[in-house]
Structures are given as structure tokens and as C-alpha cells.
Amino acid sequence: MRYWLVHAACALLMMTGTGCPSLRSGSEAVHTYQLSLDGSHNEARPAGGNGPVFLVSTPQAEPGFETPRMVYVKRPYELEYFAANQWADTPARMFTPLLVQALNQDDAWRAVLPLPSSLRGDYRLDTHGFLLQQEFLQQPSRMRVMVRAQLVDLKESTILSTRVFEIIENATSENPYGGVQAANRAVAALLDQMASWLRECVRHSPECGR
């Protein structure tokens, strides 16, 4: 009788929209993924120390992406989230150390540091609108990563350049893990583009504005 009453209560709760998660059986395990760089971005930094100090602010996520939940799109403008797959942190927060790591491989900088920092910098990189989504609008599905970047000359208190970066990578399989693999390739390509852009900006090259 007690067993019947419990299940009857659950059925009533499900009809009212609250559900009864404590009695769900066979729940799918949650898979957690990281963004990371391959070994080519872990090489020793060339010796040097006369370049400018570069500060990196924390990227601001696009609305709807301020969460570790993995975003996917099946039709334009509608964001959905995988139920049993997630990032280890929000993609924007995971992007910060990768950006610092990638820029630190370049001898154009004396130091590359995340903000806040006690060291006074020469340049600051601000990034906004960071998004990372798997798109099932075609086959194969693809991963899109996008960010708006702004480089500030701190000594002159001027904005040197702004630019939108966007990379799209095809997924190797039509599931979240295929998206994770594509996401890591896309982020690595995005970082390479940003590093080249920043070098041109510091040289005040016309390429900086492109």
C-alpha cells in the first residue's frame, strides 16, 4: 500500500509539472568536458624580456552562454542545452587561461597576464560576446566559436582596434563529444588568428584593422 501511495503521489506531481526525480531509474550519467590546447601551444617561450606587458581581461559571454551547460541549435535563434553533457566551467572562463597560454608563446610580449594584476601593463585586451555552440542545421553538424575583441593602448588611453573573430569547425560525429572535439580545434584556430592580429596592432600595421 505504501509503495502504491508513493507512485500515485509521483504521478500527481508529474501532472502538475514538478515531477518526482528521486524515483527516476536509469538516469544517464553526466559527462563533463574541458577546453584545452594541444602540445604545439605548450612549447617553451623564447628568451626575451624587452617587449610590452600585455593584460587580458576576463571575456564576457554572449547572453545565454553564461553557463557550463552545452549549447546546441537545431533552428535559428533558438538555444537548447544538452541534458547529460556539460563543460567543466563556462566556456568564457575556460577561454581566459587558454588565451594567456597561447599569447605567452609569442616573444612579442615581455609578459602576458590575466586581470586583475599588480603589474602595470602597456596593452589590454577586452573580449565580449563569447559564444560556443554546436549547430545541427546541416550535416555534419558544426561547432561555432565567436568573440568580439578590443585592444587598448594603456599608455595613450586609446583603442587601437576592434575586431570580430569567428571560426566554424565540422563535428566528427553527431553527438556532444563530436562537438567537443570540434570546439577545441576551433578555439585553437581562433587563438592563432587573435595572436597574429595583436602582433600587427602593436606594430601599428594597416593589417590590424582587417
C-alpha atoms as a PDB file:
ATOM      1  CA  MET A   1       0.000   0.000   0.000  1.00  0.00           C
ATOM      2  CA  ARG A   2       2.842   2.410   0.882  1.00  0.00           C
ATOM      3  CA  TYR A   3       4.570   1.683  -2.451  1.00  0.00           C
ATOM      4  CA  TRP A   4       1.337   2.357  -4.323  1.00  0.00           C
ATOM      5  CA  LEU A   5       0.820   5.645  -2.479  1.00  0.00           C
ATOM      6  CA  VAL A   6       4.347   6.863  -3.338  1.00  0.00           C
ATOM      7  CA  HIS A   7       3.880   6.178  -7.024  1.00  0.00           C
ATOM      8  CA  ALA A   8       0.454   7.726  -7.004  1.00  0.00           C
ATOM      9  CA  ALA A   9       1.943  10.869  -5.461  1.00  0.00           C
ATOM     10  CA  CYS A  10       4.642  10.952  -8.132  1.00  0.00           C
ATOM     11  CA  ALA A  11       2.073  10.645 -10.875  1.00  0.00           C
ATOM     12  CA  LEU A  12       0.198  13.586  -9.407  1.00  0.00           C
ATOM     13  CA  LEU A  13       3.380  15.662  -9.146  1.00  0.00           C
ATOM     14  CA  MET A  14       4.280  14.896 -12.761  1.00  0.00           C
ATOM     15  CA  MET A  15       0.857  16.078 -13.894  1.00  0.00           C
ATOM     16  CA  THR A  16       1.366  19.345 -12.020  1.00  0.00           C
ATOM     17  CA  GLY A  17       4.799  19.813 -13.648  1.00  0.00           C
ATOM     18  CA  THR A  18       7.011  19.293 -10.577  1.00  0.00           C
ATOM     19  CA  GLY A  19       7.980  15.696 -11.308  1.00  0.00           C
ATOM     20  CA  CYS A  20       9.462  13.132  -8.930  1.00  0.00           C
ATOM     21  CA  PRO A  21      13.191  12.907  -9.724  1.00  0.00           C
ATOM     22  CA  SER A  22      14.070  10.873  -6.629  1.00  0.00           C
ATOM     23  CA  LEU A  23      12.384   7.775  -8.082  1.00  0.00           C
ATOM     24  CA  ARG A  24      13.806   8.033 -11.608  1.00  0.00           C
ATOM     25  CA  SER A  25      15.674   4.897 -12.552  1.00  0.00           C
ATOM     26  CA  GLY A  26      18.457   4.508 -15.045  1.00  0.00           C
ATOM     27  CA  SER A  27      19.383   8.190 -15.043  1.00  0.00           C
ATOM     28  CA  GLU A  28      22.020   8.997 -17.637  1.00  0.00           C
ATOM     29  CA  ALA A  29      25.450   9.896 -16.252  1.00  0.00           C
ATOM     30  CA  VAL A  30      26.561  13.480 -16.772  1.00  0.00           C
ATOM     31  CA  HIS A  31      29.657  13.883 -18.959  1.00  0.00           C
ATOM     32  CA  THR A  32      31.931  16.869 -18.276  1.00  0.00           C
ATOM     33  CA  TYR A  33      34.386  18.283 -20.839  1.00  0.00           C
ATOM     34  CA  GLN A  34      37.250  20.766 -20.975  1.00  0.00           C
ATOM     35  CA  LEU A  35      38.572  23.223 -23.496  1.00  0.00           C
ATOM     36  CA  SER A  36      42.316  22.729 -23.914  1.00  0.00           C
ATOM     37  CA  LEU A  37      45.177  23.311 -26.328  1.00  0.00           C
ATOM     38  CA  ASP A  38      47.335  20.680 -27.971  1.00  0.00           C
ATOM     39  CA  GLY A  39      51.051  20.280 -27.401  1.00  0.00           C
ATOM     40  CA  SER A  40      52.010  22.871 -30.027  1.00  0.00           C
ATOM     41  CA  HIS A  41      50.886  25.584 -27.596  1.00  0.00           C
ATOM     42  CA  ASN A  42      52.921  24.175 -24.698  1.00  0.00           C
ATOM     43  CA  GLU A  43      56.372  24.809 -26.138  1.00  0.00           C
ATOM     44  CA  ALA A  44      58.888  26.818 -24.144  1.00  0.00           C
ATOM     45  CA  ARG A  45      58.683  30.583 -24.571  1.00  0.00           C
ATOM     46  CA  PRO A  46      61.635  32.113 -26.468  1.00  0.00           C
ATOM     47  CA  ALA A  47      64.073  34.010 -24.303  1.00  0.00           C
ATOM     48  CA  GLY A  48      63.488  37.740 -24.166  1.00  0.00           C
ATOM     49  CA  GLY A  49      62.212  40.472 -21.913  1.00  0.00           C
ATOM     50  CA  ASN A  50      62.146  43.831 -23.684  1.00  0.00           C
ATOM     51  CA  GLY A  51      58.637  43.713 -25.106  1.00  0.00           C
ATOM     52  CA  PRO A  52      55.492  45.320 -23.689  1.00  0.00           C
ATOM     53  CA  VAL A  53      53.404  43.907 -20.855  1.00  0.00           C
ATOM     54  CA  PHE A  54      50.061  42.611 -22.048  1.00  0.00           C
ATOM     55  CA  LEU A  55      46.985  42.335 -19.811  1.00  0.00           C
ATOM     56  CA  VAL A  56      43.985  40.131 -20.609  1.00  0.00           C
ATOM     57  CA  SER A  57      40.581  40.879 -19.132  1.00  0.00           C
ATOM     58  CA  THR A  58      38.033  38.145 -18.455  1.00  0.00           C
ATOM     59  CA  PRO A  59      35.897  37.500 -21.556  1.00  0.00           C
ATOM     60  CA  GLN A  60      32.221  38.404 -21.260  1.00  0.00           C
ATOM     61  CA  ALA A  61      29.839  35.762 -22.552  1.00  0.00           C
ATOM     62  CA  GLU A  62      27.029  36.332 -25.003  1.00  0.00           C
ATOM     63  CA  PRO A  63      23.596  36.185 -23.304  1.00  0.00           C
ATOM     64  CA  GLY A  64      22.527  32.559 -22.957  1.00  0.00           C
ATOM     65  CA  PHE A  65      26.132  31.342 -22.739  1.00  0.00           C
ATOM     66  CA  GLU A  66      26.908  32.352 -19.119  1.00  0.00           C
ATOM     67  CA  THR A  67      26.609  28.720 -18.041  1.00  0.00           C
ATOM     68  CA  PRO A  68      28.601  25.467 -18.130  1.00  0.00           C
ATOM     69  CA  ARG A  69      25.664  23.864 -19.974  1.00  0.00           C
ATOM     70  CA  MET A  70      26.500  22.936 -23.556  1.00  0.00           C
ATOM     71  CA  VAL A  71      24.522  24.909 -26.104  1.00  0.00           C
ATOM     72  CA  TYR A  72      23.208  23.466 -29.347  1.00  0.00           C
ATOM     73  CA  VAL A  73      20.992  24.858 -32.096  1.00  0.00           C
ATOM     74  CA  LYS A  74      18.509  22.958 -34.235  1.00  0.00           C
ATOM     75  CA  ARG A  75      16.824  26.003 -35.738  1.00  0.00           C
ATOM     76  CA  PRO A  76      17.968  29.641 -35.986  1.00  0.00           C
ATOM     77  CA  TYR A  77      17.668  31.879 -32.912  1.00  0.00           C
ATOM     78  CA  GLU A  78      16.684  29.075 -30.504  1.00  0.00           C
ATOM     79  CA  LEU A  79      19.261  27.940 -27.925  1.00  0.00           C
ATOM     80  CA  GLU A  80      18.932  24.483 -26.399  1.00  0.00           C
ATOM     81  CA  TYR A  81      21.091  22.713 -23.810  1.00  0.00           C
ATOM     82  CA  PHE A  82      22.270  19.111 -23.621  1.00  0.00           C
ATOM     83  CA  ALA A  83      20.843  17.417 -20.529  1.00  0.00           C
ATOM     84  CA  ALA A  84      23.671  14.988 -19.723  1.00  0.00           C
ATOM     85  CA  ASN A  85      26.702  16.813 -21.163  1.00  0.00           C
ATOM     86  CA  GLN A  86      28.346  19.939 -19.788  1.00  0.00           C
ATOM     87  CA  TRP A  87      31.554  21.975 -19.732  1.00  0.00           C
ATOM     88  CA  ALA A  88      33.794  21.953 -16.657  1.00  0.00           C
ATOM     89  CA  ASP A  89      33.207  25.725 -16.373  1.00  0.00           C
ATOM     90  CA  THR A  90      31.578  28.379 -18.512  1.00  0.00           C
ATOM     91  CA  PRO A  91      33.317  28.461 -21.920  1.00  0.00           C
ATOM     92  CA  ALA A  92      34.168  32.153 -21.454  1.00  0.00           C
ATOM     93  CA  ARG A  93      36.023  31.453 -18.198  1.00  0.00           C
ATOM     94  CA  MET A  94      37.832  28.454 -19.690  1.00  0.00           C
ATOM     95  CA  PHE A  95      38.875  30.628 -22.632  1.00  0.00           C
ATOM     96  CA  THR A  96      40.857  33.089 -20.457  1.00  0.00           C
ATOM     97  CA  PRO A  97      43.758  30.797 -19.428  1.00  0.00           C
ATOM     98  CA  LEU A  98      43.958  29.394 -22.962  1.00  0.00           C
ATOM     99  CA  LEU A  99      44.282  32.909 -24.359  1.00  0.00           C
ATOM    100  CA  VAL A 100      47.018  33.762 -21.856  1.00  0.00           C
ATOM    101  CA  GLN A 101      48.784  30.465 -22.564  1.00  0.00           C
ATOM    102  CA  ALA A 102      48.722  30.989 -26.322  1.00  0.00           C
ATOM    103  CA  LEU A 103      49.943  34.587 -26.177  1.00  0.00           C
ATOM    104  CA  ASN A 104      52.738  33.637 -23.795  1.00  0.00           C
ATOM    105  CA  GLN A 105      54.309  31.571 -26.587  1.00  0.00           C
ATOM    106  CA  ASP A 106      54.997  34.785 -28.508  1.00  0.00           C
ATOM    107  CA  ASP A 107      58.209  36.689 -27.787  1.00  0.00           C
ATOM    108  CA  ALA A 108      56.473  39.922 -28.836  1.00  0.00           C
ATOM    109  CA  TRP A 109      55.426  40.293 -25.183  1.00  0.00           C
ATOM    110  CA  ARG A 110      57.546  40.605 -22.068  1.00  0.00           C
ATOM    111  CA  ALA A 111      54.670  39.171 -20.067  1.00  0.00           C
ATOM    112  CA  VAL A 112      51.039  38.226 -20.643  1.00  0.00           C
ATOM    113  CA  LEU A 113      48.917  38.306 -17.510  1.00  0.00           C
ATOM    114  CA  PRO A 114      45.220  37.887 -16.705  1.00  0.00           C
ATOM    115  CA  LEU A 115      43.446  40.664 -14.855  1.00  0.00           C
ATOM    116  CA  PRO A 116      43.419  41.573 -12.046  1.00  0.00           C
ATOM    117  CA  SER A 117      47.192  42.030 -11.936  1.00  0.00           C
ATOM    118  CA  SER A 118      49.539  44.056  -9.732  1.00  0.00           C
ATOM    119  CA  LEU A 119      51.825  44.627 -12.728  1.00  0.00           C
ATOM    120  CA  ARG A 120      51.150  47.702 -14.813  1.00  0.00           C
ATOM    121  CA  GLY A 121      50.502  46.865 -18.435  1.00  0.00           C
ATOM    122  CA  ASP A 122      51.159  48.546 -21.762  1.00  0.00           C
ATOM    123  CA  TYR A 123      48.189  46.994 -23.586  1.00  0.00           C
ATOM    124  CA  ARG A 124      44.898  45.453 -22.530  1.00  0.00           C
ATOM    125  CA  LEU A 125      42.746  43.017 -24.471  1.00  0.00           C
ATOM    126  CA  ASP A 126      38.999  43.129 -23.787  1.00  0.00           C
ATOM    127  CA  THR A 127      36.709  40.468 -25.225  1.00  0.00           C
ATOM    128  CA  HIS A 128      32.913  40.421 -25.347  1.00  0.00           C
ATOM    129  CA  GLY A 129      30.117  38.327 -26.780  1.00  0.00           C
ATOM    130  CA  PHE A 130      31.913  34.989 -26.409  1.00  0.00           C
ATOM    131  CA  LEU A 131      29.794  32.096 -27.669  1.00  0.00           C
ATOM    132  CA  LEU A 132      30.363  28.426 -28.339  1.00  0.00           C
ATOM    133  CA  GLN A 133      27.553  26.375 -29.870  1.00  0.00           C
ATOM    134  CA  GLN A 134      27.025  23.154 -31.799  1.00  0.00           C
ATOM    135  CA  GLU A 135      24.764  23.662 -34.797  1.00  0.00           C
ATOM    136  CA  PHE A 136      22.591  20.845 -36.149  1.00  0.00           C
ATOM    137  CA  LEU A 137      21.344  22.957 -39.040  1.00  0.00           C
ATOM    138  CA  GLN A 138      23.140  20.732 -41.559  1.00  0.00           C
ATOM    139  CA  GLN A 139      25.112  17.508 -41.691  1.00  0.00           C
ATOM    140  CA  PRO A 140      27.709  17.131 -40.435  1.00  0.00           C
ATOM    141  CA  SER A 141      26.894  19.353 -37.505  1.00  0.00           C
ATOM    142  CA  ARG A 142      29.415  22.068 -36.798  1.00  0.00           C
ATOM    143  CA  MET A 143      30.807  23.993 -33.867  1.00  0.00           C
ATOM    144  CA  ARG A 144      30.861  27.784 -33.969  1.00  0.00           C
ATOM    145  CA  VAL A 145      33.048  29.923 -31.695  1.00  0.00           C
ATOM    146  CA  MET A 146      32.871  33.710 -31.858  1.00  0.00           C
ATOM    147  CA  VAL A 147      34.205  36.648 -29.846  1.00  0.00           C
ATOM    148  CA  ARG A 148      34.463  40.440 -30.220  1.00  0.00           C
ATOM    149  CA  ALA A 149      37.917  41.750 -29.299  1.00  0.00           C
ATOM    150  CA  GLN A 150      39.149  45.238 -28.474  1.00  0.00           C
ATOM    151  CA  LEU A 151      42.786  46.220 -27.990  1.00  0.00           C
ATOM    152  CA  VAL A 152      43.523  49.201 -25.739  1.00  0.00           C
ATOM    153  CA  ASP A 153      46.808  51.122 -25.591  1.00  0.00           C
ATOM    154  CA  LEU A 154      47.009  51.868 -21.868  1.00  0.00           C
ATOM    155  CA  LYS A 155      49.783  54.453 -22.157  1.00  0.00           C
ATOM    156  CA  GLU A 156      47.875  56.504 -24.707  1.00  0.00           C
ATOM    157  CA  SER A 157      44.424  55.626 -23.311  1.00  0.00           C
ATOM    158  CA  THR A 158      43.211  54.871 -26.825  1.00  0.00           C
ATOM    159  CA  ILE A 159      41.542  51.948 -28.588  1.00  0.00           C
ATOM    160  CA  LEU A 160      43.920  50.652 -31.242  1.00  0.00           C
ATOM    161  CA  SER A 161      41.490  48.305 -32.941  1.00  0.00           C
ATOM    162  CA  THR A 162      38.352  46.194 -32.587  1.00  0.00           C
ATOM    163  CA  ARG A 163      37.581  43.010 -34.466  1.00  0.00           C
ATOM    164  CA  VAL A 164      35.129  40.100 -34.513  1.00  0.00           C
ATOM    165  CA  PHE A 165      36.663  36.625 -34.707  1.00  0.00           C
ATOM    166  CA  GLU A 166      34.628  33.627 -35.803  1.00  0.00           C
ATOM    167  CA  ILE A 167      35.680  30.044 -36.504  1.00  0.00           C
ATOM    168  CA  ILE A 168      33.483  27.160 -37.656  1.00  0.00           C
ATOM    169  CA  GLU A 169      34.614  23.521 -37.454  1.00  0.00           C
ATOM    170  CA  ASN A 170      32.734  20.437 -38.621  1.00  0.00           C
ATOM    171  CA  ALA A 171      31.995  17.879 -35.914  1.00  0.00           C
ATOM    172  CA  THR A 172      33.442  14.397 -36.322  1.00  0.00           C
ATOM    173  CA  SER A 173      30.237  12.790 -35.019  1.00  0.00           C
ATOM    174  CA  GLU A 174      26.634  13.862 -34.497  1.00  0.00           C
ATOM    175  CA  ASN A 175      26.787  13.974 -30.708  1.00  0.00           C
ATOM    176  CA  PRO A 176      28.146  16.241 -27.936  1.00  0.00           C
ATOM    177  CA  TYR A 177      31.598  14.629 -27.928  1.00  0.00           C
ATOM    178  CA  GLY A 178      31.989  15.282 -31.637  1.00  0.00           C
ATOM    179  CA  GLY A 179      31.150  18.890 -30.822  1.00  0.00           C
ATOM    180  CA  VAL A 180      33.737  18.998 -28.036  1.00  0.00           C
ATOM    181  CA  GLN A 181      36.482  17.839 -30.403  1.00  0.00           C
ATOM    182  CA  ALA A 182      35.438  20.439 -32.970  1.00  0.00           C
ATOM    183  CA  ALA A 183      35.267  23.106 -30.254  1.00  0.00           C
ATOM    184  CA  ASN A 184      38.872  22.531 -29.231  1.00  0.00           C
ATOM    185  CA  ARG A 185      40.056  22.748 -32.837  1.00  0.00           C
ATOM    186  CA  ALA A 186      38.004  25.910 -33.370  1.00  0.00           C
ATOM    187  CA  VAL A 187      39.340  27.594 -30.228  1.00  0.00           C
ATOM    188  CA  ALA A 188      42.946  26.787 -31.223  1.00  0.00           C
ATOM    189  CA  ALA A 189      42.383  28.329 -34.677  1.00  0.00           C
ATOM    190  CA  LEU A 190      40.710  31.371 -33.103  1.00  0.00           C
ATOM    191  CA  LEU A 191      43.668  31.922 -30.773  1.00  0.00           C
ATOM    192  CA  ASP A 192      46.124  31.748 -33.673  1.00  0.00           C
ATOM    193  CA  GLN A 193      44.142  34.421 -35.532  1.00  0.00           C
ATOM    194  CA  MET A 194      43.964  36.634 -32.452  1.00  0.00           C
ATOM    195  CA  ALA A 195      47.701  36.341 -31.807  1.00  0.00           C
ATOM    196  CA  SER A 196      48.508  37.400 -35.385  1.00  0.00           C
ATOM    197  CA  TRP A 197      46.079  40.323 -35.159  1.00  0.00           C
ATOM    198  CA  LEU A 198      47.577  41.544 -31.892  1.00  0.00           C
ATOM    199  CA  ARG A 199      51.114  41.456 -33.272  1.00  0.00           C
ATOM    200  CA  GLU A 200      50.031  43.589 -36.226  1.00  0.00           C
ATOM    201  CA  CYS A 201      48.237  46.030 -33.932  1.00  0.00           C
ATOM    202  CA  VAL A 202      51.271  46.581 -31.739  1.00  0.00           C
ATOM    203  CA  ARG A 203      53.286  47.275 -34.886  1.00  0.00           C
ATOM    204  CA  HIS A 204      50.533  49.727 -35.893  1.00  0.00           C
ATOM    205  CA  SER A 205      50.214  47.912 -39.184  1.00  0.00           C
ATOM    206  CA  PRO A 206      47.259  48.528 -41.537  1.00  0.00           C
ATOM    207  CA  GLU A 207      46.603  44.776 -41.224  1.00  0.00           C
ATOM    208  CA  CYS A 208      45.463  45.429 -37.670  1.00  0.00           C
ATOM    209  CA  GLY A 209      42.141  46.857 -38.767  1.00  0.00           C
ATOM    210  CA  ARG A 210      41.227  43.983 -41.076  1.00  0.00           C
END
